[in-house]
Amino acid sequence: MDSIDRSILLRLQDNARISNVELAAAVGLSPSACLRRVTQLERSGVISGYHADLDAAKLGHDVLVLIQITLVGQSAEMLAEFEAAAAAIPQVLACFLIAGESDYILRVAARSVGDFGRLHAENLSALPHVLRMESSFVMRDVFTRSFTPLPGQA
């Protein structure tokens, strides 16, 4: 990966809908050379996909909750069962297996505090193998970013 690849990645992170012609001009390549590089970045898995960032609040989900979860054990079967059950809850936006006192952190969206209470009672409390659950309500989103390679880094 060279500085041109990093420049391509930075511009795609800023605007994944940029046309290949515009991207090529921005990074100083011909459109065909630029397309070859983007295709190679996709094939190698550096670019894992493209998506639209949705504003959960504008879609009626004003409450964001981070939940630390500790399981009763850490067998491969317990982890797999928990992860499959968490993935089946649409309001769970992200699930991270972590090292430390807790085993997982979930990022959960809800319409309101009451909606989160319902979600907790009906879905989250039913997740398998949970020993402890601690919820933290997000006051405001300061920033969210994906990985941005610095100059000289791959």
Protein backbone atom coordinates (compact mmCIF):
# COMPACT_ATOMS: atom_id res chain seq x y z
CA MET A 1 0.00 0.00 0.00
CA ASP A 2 1.44 3.35 -0.97
CA SER A 3 0.47 6.99 -0.53
CA ILE A 4 -1.89 6.88 -3.52
CA ASP A 5 -3.79 3.93 -2.03
CA ARG A 6 -4.04 5.80 1.29
CA SER A 7 -5.30 8.87 -0.55
CA ILE A 8 -7.93 6.76 -2.32
CA LEU A 9 -9.05 5.30 1.03
CA LEU A 10 -9.31 8.71 2.67
CA ARG A 11 -11.43 10.08 -0.16
CA LEU A 12 -13.69 7.01 -0.23
CA GLN A 13 -14.21 7.29 3.53
CA ASP A 14 -15.22 10.89 3.06
CA ASN A 15 -17.53 10.13 0.13
CA ALA A 16 -18.01 6.54 -1.00
CA ARG A 17 -20.31 7.76 -3.79
CA ILE A 18 -17.58 9.74 -5.52
CA SER A 19 -17.35 8.82 -9.19
CA ASN A 20 -14.25 6.99 -10.38
CA VAL A 21 -13.43 9.94 -12.66
CA GLU A 22 -13.58 12.40 -9.73
CA LEU A 23 -11.60 10.06 -7.50
CA ALA A 24 -8.94 9.58 -10.16
CA ALA A 25 -8.56 13.33 -10.61
CA ALA A 26 -8.35 13.86 -6.84
CA VAL A 27 -5.51 11.33 -6.42
CA GLY A 28 -3.68 12.14 -9.65
CA LEU A 29 -4.35 8.95 -11.62
CA SER A 30 -6.06 8.06 -14.86
CA PRO A 31 -9.57 6.66 -14.35
CA SER A 32 -8.49 3.17 -15.46
CA ALA A 33 -5.49 3.11 -13.09
CA CYS A 34 -7.67 4.38 -10.25
CA LEU A 35 -10.31 1.73 -10.89
CA ARG A 36 -7.62 -0.99 -10.88
CA ARG A 37 -6.37 0.21 -7.49
CA VAL A 38 -9.87 0.40 -5.97
CA THR A 39 -10.65 -3.08 -7.31
CA GLN A 40 -7.41 -4.41 -5.78
CA LEU A 41 -8.22 -2.76 -2.43
CA GLU A 42 -11.64 -4.46 -2.54
CA ARG A 43 -10.24 -7.88 -3.52
CA SER A 44 -7.61 -7.76 -0.78
CA GLY A 45 -10.30 -6.96 1.80
CA VAL A 46 -8.89 -3.54 2.74
CA ILE A 47 -12.21 -2.13 1.51
CA SER A 48 -14.73 -4.49 3.07
CA GLY A 49 -17.86 -2.76 1.79
CA TYR A 50 -19.76 0.45 1.22
CA HIS A 51 -22.68 1.69 3.26
CA ALA A 52 -24.87 4.65 4.04
CA ASP A 53 -24.58 6.22 7.51
CA LEU A 54 -28.12 6.52 8.84
CA ASP A 55 -29.13 8.98 11.53
CA ALA A 56 -30.89 6.80 14.10
CA ALA A 57 -32.47 9.82 15.82
CA LYS A 58 -34.05 11.01 12.57
CA LEU A 59 -35.44 7.50 12.15
CA GLY A 60 -37.10 7.68 15.57
CA HIS A 61 -34.42 6.00 17.69
CA ASP A 62 -33.32 8.84 19.98
CA VAL A 63 -31.79 6.67 22.72
CA LEU A 64 -28.39 5.01 22.33
CA VAL A 65 -27.24 2.63 25.06
CA LEU A 66 -23.90 0.90 25.58
CA ILE A 67 -24.29 -2.32 27.54
CA GLN A 68 -21.47 -4.22 29.20
CA ILE A 69 -22.30 -7.89 29.55
CA THR A 70 -20.59 -10.59 31.58
CA LEU A 71 -21.40 -14.22 30.86
CA VAL A 72 -21.45 -17.08 33.37
CA GLY A 73 -18.64 -18.74 31.39
CA GLN A 74 -16.60 -18.43 28.25
CA SER A 75 -16.86 -21.75 26.49
CA ALA A 76 -16.94 -21.60 22.71
CA GLU A 77 -20.52 -22.88 22.82
CA MET A 78 -21.65 -20.17 25.27
CA LEU A 79 -19.99 -17.43 23.22
CA ALA A 80 -21.54 -18.70 19.98
CA GLU A 81 -25.03 -18.97 21.51
CA PHE A 82 -24.82 -15.47 23.01
CA GLU A 83 -23.53 -13.94 19.75
CA ALA A 84 -26.24 -15.61 17.64
CA ALA A 85 -28.97 -14.43 20.02
CA ALA A 86 -27.60 -10.86 20.13
CA ALA A 87 -27.37 -10.76 16.32
CA ALA A 88 -31.07 -11.69 16.11
CA ILE A 89 -32.12 -8.48 17.92
CA PRO A 90 -32.42 -5.71 15.28
CA GLN A 91 -31.89 -2.90 17.80
CA VAL A 92 -28.43 -4.28 18.65
CA LEU A 93 -26.29 -2.21 16.29
CA ALA A 94 -22.90 -3.64 17.29
CA CYS A 95 -21.53 -6.41 19.46
CA PHE A 96 -17.89 -6.52 20.58
CA LEU A 97 -16.16 -9.39 22.40
CA ILE A 98 -13.74 -7.66 24.76
CA ALA A 99 -11.00 -8.44 27.27
CA GLY A 100 -11.43 -7.19 30.83
CA GLU A 101 -14.09 -7.48 33.52
CA SER A 102 -16.93 -7.77 31.00
CA ASP A 103 -17.12 -10.15 28.08
CA TYR A 104 -19.11 -8.04 25.60
CA ILE A 105 -20.15 -4.50 24.83
CA LEU A 106 -23.37 -3.99 22.87
CA ARG A 107 -24.46 -0.77 21.18
CA VAL A 108 -28.25 -0.64 21.24
CA ALA A 109 -30.71 1.87 19.73
CA ALA A 110 -34.16 2.51 21.19
CA ARG A 111 -37.02 4.92 20.46
CA SER A 112 -37.18 6.14 24.07
CA VAL A 113 -36.14 5.18 27.58
CA GLY A 114 -39.44 3.32 27.90
CA ASP A 115 -38.78 1.48 24.64
CA PHE A 116 -35.34 0.51 25.97
CA GLY A 117 -37.04 -0.78 29.14
CA ARG A 118 -39.31 -2.96 27.01
CA LEU A 119 -36.39 -4.13 24.87
CA HIS A 120 -34.42 -4.96 28.00
CA ALA A 121 -37.29 -6.89 29.59
CA GLU A 122 -38.33 -8.78 26.47
CA ASN A 123 -35.07 -9.35 24.59
CA LEU A 124 -31.86 -8.38 26.33
CA SER A 125 -32.64 -10.10 29.63
CA ALA A 126 -33.38 -13.27 27.67
CA LEU A 127 -29.91 -13.44 26.10
CA PRO A 128 -28.32 -16.79 26.97
CA HIS A 129 -25.63 -17.25 29.63
CA VAL A 130 -25.75 -13.66 30.95
CA LEU A 131 -24.51 -13.20 34.51
CA ARG A 132 -24.45 -9.40 34.67
CA MET A 133 -25.57 -6.53 32.46
CA GLU A 134 -24.67 -2.85 32.98
CA SER A 135 -26.27 -0.18 30.79
CA SER A 136 -24.88 3.30 30.07
CA PHE A 137 -27.02 5.83 28.23
CA VAL A 138 -25.17 7.90 25.65
CA MET A 139 -25.67 11.62 26.27
CA ARG A 140 -24.40 12.70 22.84
CA ASP A 141 -22.36 11.28 20.01
CA VAL A 142 -19.10 13.24 20.01
CA PHE A 143 -17.67 11.53 16.93
CA THR A 144 -17.57 8.19 15.18
CA ARG A 145 -15.04 7.27 12.55
CA SER A 146 -13.77 4.26 10.75
CA PHE A 147 -10.10 3.46 10.57
CA THR A 148 -8.10 6.10 8.74
CA PRO A 149 -4.59 5.07 7.72
CA LEU A 150 -2.02 7.70 8.58
CA PRO A 151 0.69 8.67 6.11
CA GLY A 152 3.27 5.90 5.93
CA GLN A 153 0.97 3.28 7.48
CA ALA A 154 -0.66 0.34 5.78
